[in-house]
């Protein structure tokens, strides 16, 4: 037995060995997720448990967090699986505090804490029986798994093959375990370019050799199984372990020895039915009661369900059922519990019960268990027969239930047992309203058919309008407006309809209509959550009408007493639109803190997109990459197709900025599919991403064409602010493409004062670039100097816009290199450090190429430019932007002769590292440290440049550097 209470699997050596290989890679800093899937009962859970039992031992053993999704009794309990996961993680990390089971962010935080606590040991997150996961937990787990891209975590999951499931609506896991990808995009294709190893392993039946070994463990006293007999058992069972386990209990020794008749081909249900039939009556009653209860149960409870005299069960009954292979017996002191070895056996026993017997047992089980489980048994006992008493009790329980998911479940059960069609429809409509309130779209869609045939009313229109809205239907406003206008509908129905209708207006840019609709909510309800939703609509509607700055004024003091997370998230989005990404980042994280704590939100599908942009623009590119990935992969499951283009566009921006141009361009092509119908803002974001990626590629004509088309078309309200990022990008690519008149016109519209630092730096850089291209070098130098003076004067603000700081240094360094100024080397080195710290490999390469052209004081393959003192600039000044002709200069105040730049980073020298170098490597690195190129070093040592590259590769690995420029100035004795 393993530490998890399972037998060691026989015949699974290859699979376990491969799992160990995967874990070894995780130990070395990778992350991985593996799905074990196959026919139900084939042994995926046993395989995973056996592997986990092997890896927990030793000082470097893995930390295993194991959760099995509970099989639902009746309708699934919302968040049942994530609740178990949250408790398991809390027990490991912080038993004194409770993590929200409704928030992927909260679960990710506590799992990250577990990784830090366990380091350097890996963490294995074992998720069993994903096919039982409730829809609410499925959404949270999908979000969580997308976030687990840091090293040191192996996600090991098991699930029945979706093709073998009767209901496939919950088969979400194949997308997240698709070989080589992190999930599917909106078009069903896998997203590439991630470091996580992703794999699905199909586990099949045992072969003849494994069956022989399996039989030896189950019948050790029996004759050894020969190859022919093993083959016959494979033919009889398909190598299915559960079937084999039951069969081996009844096969005579002579058959195992190969002398008797071969085992007949029989189904597992037939064998289970035969095993039940030969039991004594009292034992058969206990097994039947256990099948109805479904899980583990003590004999005392089984006696209640079976309606036999308490304590009358003979002591041999449990042993008899265990000998037949039908149950496992567990004694806990005087308490004896029975449970089925596998769900397949339980299902076979249950299906073998006569309908009247099953109904009677469910009836007694309802009285014996009570609560929600009791209601489930009561519904099952009715077997579809109307029961007004039970239906009334369910409706009363639903009215007292505060959880909308649970209330909907009780209402739907009541609908099953209602006597009249009118009552049945009323319960269904009430359930639909609860599902809208809970945001349970999957469950709401499951009852869409009956809703369409229900009578026209506010509740029906609300439910159908919600489904239409979430699927991107532009006509969704029709049923939602009807629900709002239905004065016979309840206040809650009309308030929910107002919120959905307002969201539809926002989606399509109708700000005034959104504000008008939001006003109805306060008239209809005092519910703080609904009222805050109305406030959110009012703020966003104001932004669409008057711009983000006005909307922020409308929001004003309401942020201090917010009820949920939505207003904080909206506030962050408005700050992005207003050109203040630093404030946006702060407010978005305040909203995320609420979501981590389990606060209800309607922004769960958008917050990833907003935070990715805020993190990207403030230099937190690792976080931006994570959030963009989550947003890009979550969009199709969220049910809002219009989000997908924007989310995947942001994902492509981050990847392009880090050098993944091929993946970025592939993702952008996928956003053009006919199945996507983005709103104006989504399409604008996607097109802006295309322009950015084209600029990174160096295709300035394409970038200019896309951006000029955006500028000529109707610009969405939230992108029309003067500080919108696309305006800066348009001016940049206009200069790159030689459209100086266009660049000048764009820059002339830039505010000159009262703007955040990132915009001021961009403005100075672009004015400098335009002046440089226009032939006005002194004016260009002045603009670069003014920008760098701001960086030096405001270091805290500069830390929030590292991209603009590095770009400004790079532009100043390029000008200084061409002019031969002494400041060029320091500016280019500072730019390179800034870009390298972000992981912006395309820009690092451009700076490197600039340095290789020849920088004063640095030896390069290019002829060195003469070093000239920088002029005093007594007669130069800022550029006047007009039609692109050379600028008019005015005399500025005297300025310093050197451009301010960050101090060069001094790398520590380690004698131990240097000692690891070979004599030839030391010769090579000594010359490289003096600034020589590979060609010059090769000539000095009489070898080829290719040999120098080989030796440098070894040096980089031993010294932990990534560029020859990190070696400049170091000594290697």
Foldseek 3Di string as FASTA:
>chain_A
DFPVPADQAFQCVVVLVVVVVVQVVLLVKFEAEEEEEEAAQQQLVVNVRNSLRVQQDDPQGAAEQEFEQDADLAADDALRRLQSSQCSLCVQAPVVDGFDSQALVLSLVSVVNNPVVSPSHAYEYEYEAQVRHHPSNLLSVLLNQLLPGTGRYYYYYYHYDLVPDPDNLSVQCCQCQPAQARGAFLVGHGFHDGRYGHHYDYRFAHDLVRQQVVLCVLCVPADRADSVLSNLVCVQAVNRVLLSNLVSLPDDSCSRVVNDDGDDRDDSLVSLVVLLVPADPLLNQLLQLQLLLQFKDWVQLSCQLSVHPGPPRDPCSVVSCVSSQAWDWDDDDPTIIIGGPGSVSSVSSNVPDDLQSSLSSLQSNLVSPDDPSSLSSPLSSCVQEADQVSLVVLQVVLVVDPQLQSSLSSLCSSLSRHDDPVSNLVSNLSSLLSCLVNVVLSVLVVCLVVLVVHDDALSSLLSVLVLCVLQPNLPSLVSLVVSLPHPVDALSSNLSSLLSNLVSCLQQLNLVVSLVSLVVNVVRDPPLVSNVSSLLSNLSSCCSVPNLVVSCVSCPPVVVDRDALAVLQSNLLSCLLQQNLVSSLVSLVVSVVRVRNVGDDPCPLPSLLSNLVSCVQQLVLVSNLSSLSSNRNSSSVSSHLQSNLLSLLSNLLSCLLLPNLVSSVVSLVVNPDPSHDHHQVSVVNSLQSVLNSCVLVVVLVSSLVSLVVQVPDDPGSSQPHLNRPSLLVNLVSCLVVVVLQVNLVSLVSHDPDDHQLLSLLSSLQSQLSLLVSQPNNLQSLQSLQVSLVVCVVCVVSCSRRLLSQLSSLLSNLLSCQVVQELQNVQSLLQSLVSSVVSSRVSVNVVSVVSVQCEHPPADHPHPHDHHDFADQQQAAHHFDRHRSHNGDGGGDDTDDRHRDHDDHDQDDDDPVLLVVADPVLLLLLQVLLQRDDLCVSCVVVVHDSVVSVVSVVVSCVSVVHDDSVNSHPDHRD
